[in-house]
Protein backbone atom coordinates (compact mmCIF):
# COMPACT_ATOMS: atom_id res chain seq x y z
CA MET A 1 7.56 -150.69 -31.05
CA ARG A 2 7.19 -152.10 -27.59
CA VAL A 3 9.10 -155.26 -26.69
CA TRP A 4 8.02 -157.54 -23.84
CA GLY A 5 10.33 -160.25 -22.52
CA GLY A 6 14.00 -160.99 -22.89
CA VAL A 7 15.57 -159.22 -25.85
CA SER A 8 18.51 -161.61 -25.83
CA GLN A 9 16.53 -164.87 -25.85
CA SER A 10 17.00 -167.29 -28.72
CA VAL A 11 14.29 -167.19 -31.39
CA GLU A 12 13.49 -170.10 -33.67
CA ARG A 13 9.73 -169.76 -34.18
CA VAL A 14 7.81 -166.53 -34.76
CA ALA A 15 4.03 -166.04 -34.67
CA VAL A 16 2.54 -163.00 -36.42
CA ALA A 17 -0.86 -161.36 -35.93
CA ASN A 18 -1.85 -158.09 -37.54
CA GLY A 19 -4.00 -155.67 -35.57
CA SER A 20 -5.06 -156.86 -32.14
CA ALA A 21 -3.74 -160.34 -31.41
CA GLY A 22 -6.64 -161.01 -29.02
CA SER A 23 -7.39 -164.71 -28.73
CA LEU A 24 -4.26 -165.64 -30.69
CA VAL A 25 -1.95 -164.72 -27.80
CA PRO A 26 -2.56 -167.89 -25.73
CA ALA A 27 -2.06 -170.07 -28.81
CA ALA A 28 1.39 -168.56 -29.37
CA VAL A 29 2.66 -169.84 -26.01
CA GLY A 30 4.41 -173.13 -26.67
CA SER A 31 4.05 -172.67 -30.44
CA ALA A 32 6.40 -169.73 -30.88
CA ASP A 33 9.30 -168.02 -29.15
CA VAL A 34 8.12 -164.55 -30.06
CA LEU A 35 4.80 -163.05 -31.13
CA ILE A 36 4.83 -160.00 -33.38
CA ALA A 37 1.46 -158.28 -33.22
CA GLY A 38 -0.22 -154.95 -33.60
CA GLU A 39 -1.24 -154.83 -29.97
CA VAL A 40 -1.56 -157.10 -26.96
CA ARG A 41 -3.51 -156.35 -23.80
CA TYR A 42 -1.26 -155.40 -20.90
CA HIS A 43 -2.16 -158.27 -18.55
CA ASP A 44 -2.14 -160.78 -21.41
CA ALA A 45 1.40 -159.68 -22.22
CA LEU A 46 2.54 -160.00 -18.60
CA THR A 47 1.02 -163.48 -18.31
CA ARG A 48 2.50 -164.73 -21.59
CA VAL A 49 5.95 -163.26 -20.94
CA SER A 50 6.05 -165.10 -17.61
CA ALA A 51 5.32 -168.26 -19.62
CA GLY A 52 8.38 -167.61 -21.81
CA LEU A 53 6.85 -165.87 -24.84
CA ALA A 54 8.49 -162.66 -26.03
CA ILE A 55 6.13 -160.13 -27.59
CA VAL A 56 6.78 -157.31 -30.03
CA GLU A 57 3.95 -154.81 -30.37
CA ALA A 58 4.35 -152.98 -33.67
CA GLY A 59 1.16 -150.92 -33.53
CA HIS A 60 -2.39 -151.90 -34.41
CA ASP A 61 -2.75 -149.49 -37.32
CA VAL A 62 0.63 -149.97 -38.99
CA THR A 63 0.25 -153.75 -39.01
CA GLU A 64 -3.05 -153.48 -40.88
CA TRP A 65 -2.31 -150.71 -43.40
CA PRO A 66 -0.24 -152.87 -45.80
CA LEU A 67 -3.28 -155.08 -46.44
CA VAL A 68 -5.70 -152.24 -47.18
CA THR A 69 -4.44 -151.62 -50.72
CA VAL A 70 -4.08 -155.36 -51.37
CA LEU A 71 -7.70 -156.01 -50.38
CA ALA A 72 -8.97 -152.99 -52.31
CA SER A 73 -7.17 -154.21 -55.44
CA ALA A 74 -8.60 -157.72 -55.05
CA ILE A 75 -12.13 -156.34 -54.69
CA ARG A 76 -11.69 -154.13 -57.76
CA GLU A 77 -10.54 -157.16 -59.80
CA ILE A 78 -13.54 -159.33 -58.93
CA ALA A 79 -16.20 -156.61 -58.74
CA THR A 80 -18.74 -156.44 -61.50
CA GLY A 81 -20.79 -153.42 -62.44
CA ALA A 82 -20.39 -149.93 -61.17
CA LEU A 83 -18.66 -150.43 -57.86
CA THR A 84 -16.48 -147.75 -56.33
CA VAL A 85 -13.81 -149.03 -53.95
CA THR A 86 -12.20 -146.45 -51.71
CA ALA A 87 -9.17 -147.51 -49.68
CA GLU A 88 -8.00 -145.69 -46.59
CA THR A 89 -4.67 -143.98 -47.05
CA GLN A 90 -1.90 -144.54 -44.58
CA ASP A 91 -2.13 -141.75 -42.05
CA ARG A 92 -0.57 -141.73 -38.64
CA SER A 93 -2.63 -139.10 -36.89
CA TRP A 94 -0.95 -139.81 -33.55
CA ARG A 95 2.64 -139.31 -32.47
CA VAL A 96 4.97 -140.29 -29.67
CA VAL A 97 5.71 -137.60 -27.10
CA GLU A 98 9.29 -138.02 -25.97
CA SER A 99 9.34 -135.52 -23.11
CA ALA A 100 7.27 -132.99 -21.19
CA ASP A 101 9.10 -130.27 -23.16
CA ASP A 102 7.71 -131.59 -26.47
CA PRO A 103 5.92 -128.61 -28.09
CA GLY A 104 3.18 -130.85 -29.48
């Protein structure tokens, strides 16, 4: 996770956006103390942090994966006829490199 803003600031209201927060970021200013989102554009984060909003970026993919199986199940329940629903499995094909000595 990446945290923007003061980590010791008081939090009373939290806004949440899965995936890319996009146009939701400006709406969070003044409505929430912290925004938890999958990703926020760099300059959007700088602008909003200077306006007092803390931001926690949890990762675009990992904030969407929990809904994949929920949506697939809902579609299976309401689908009629021969419909095959295939849901993406959770797979983190990327990793964090901690140092230049990381063997990859």
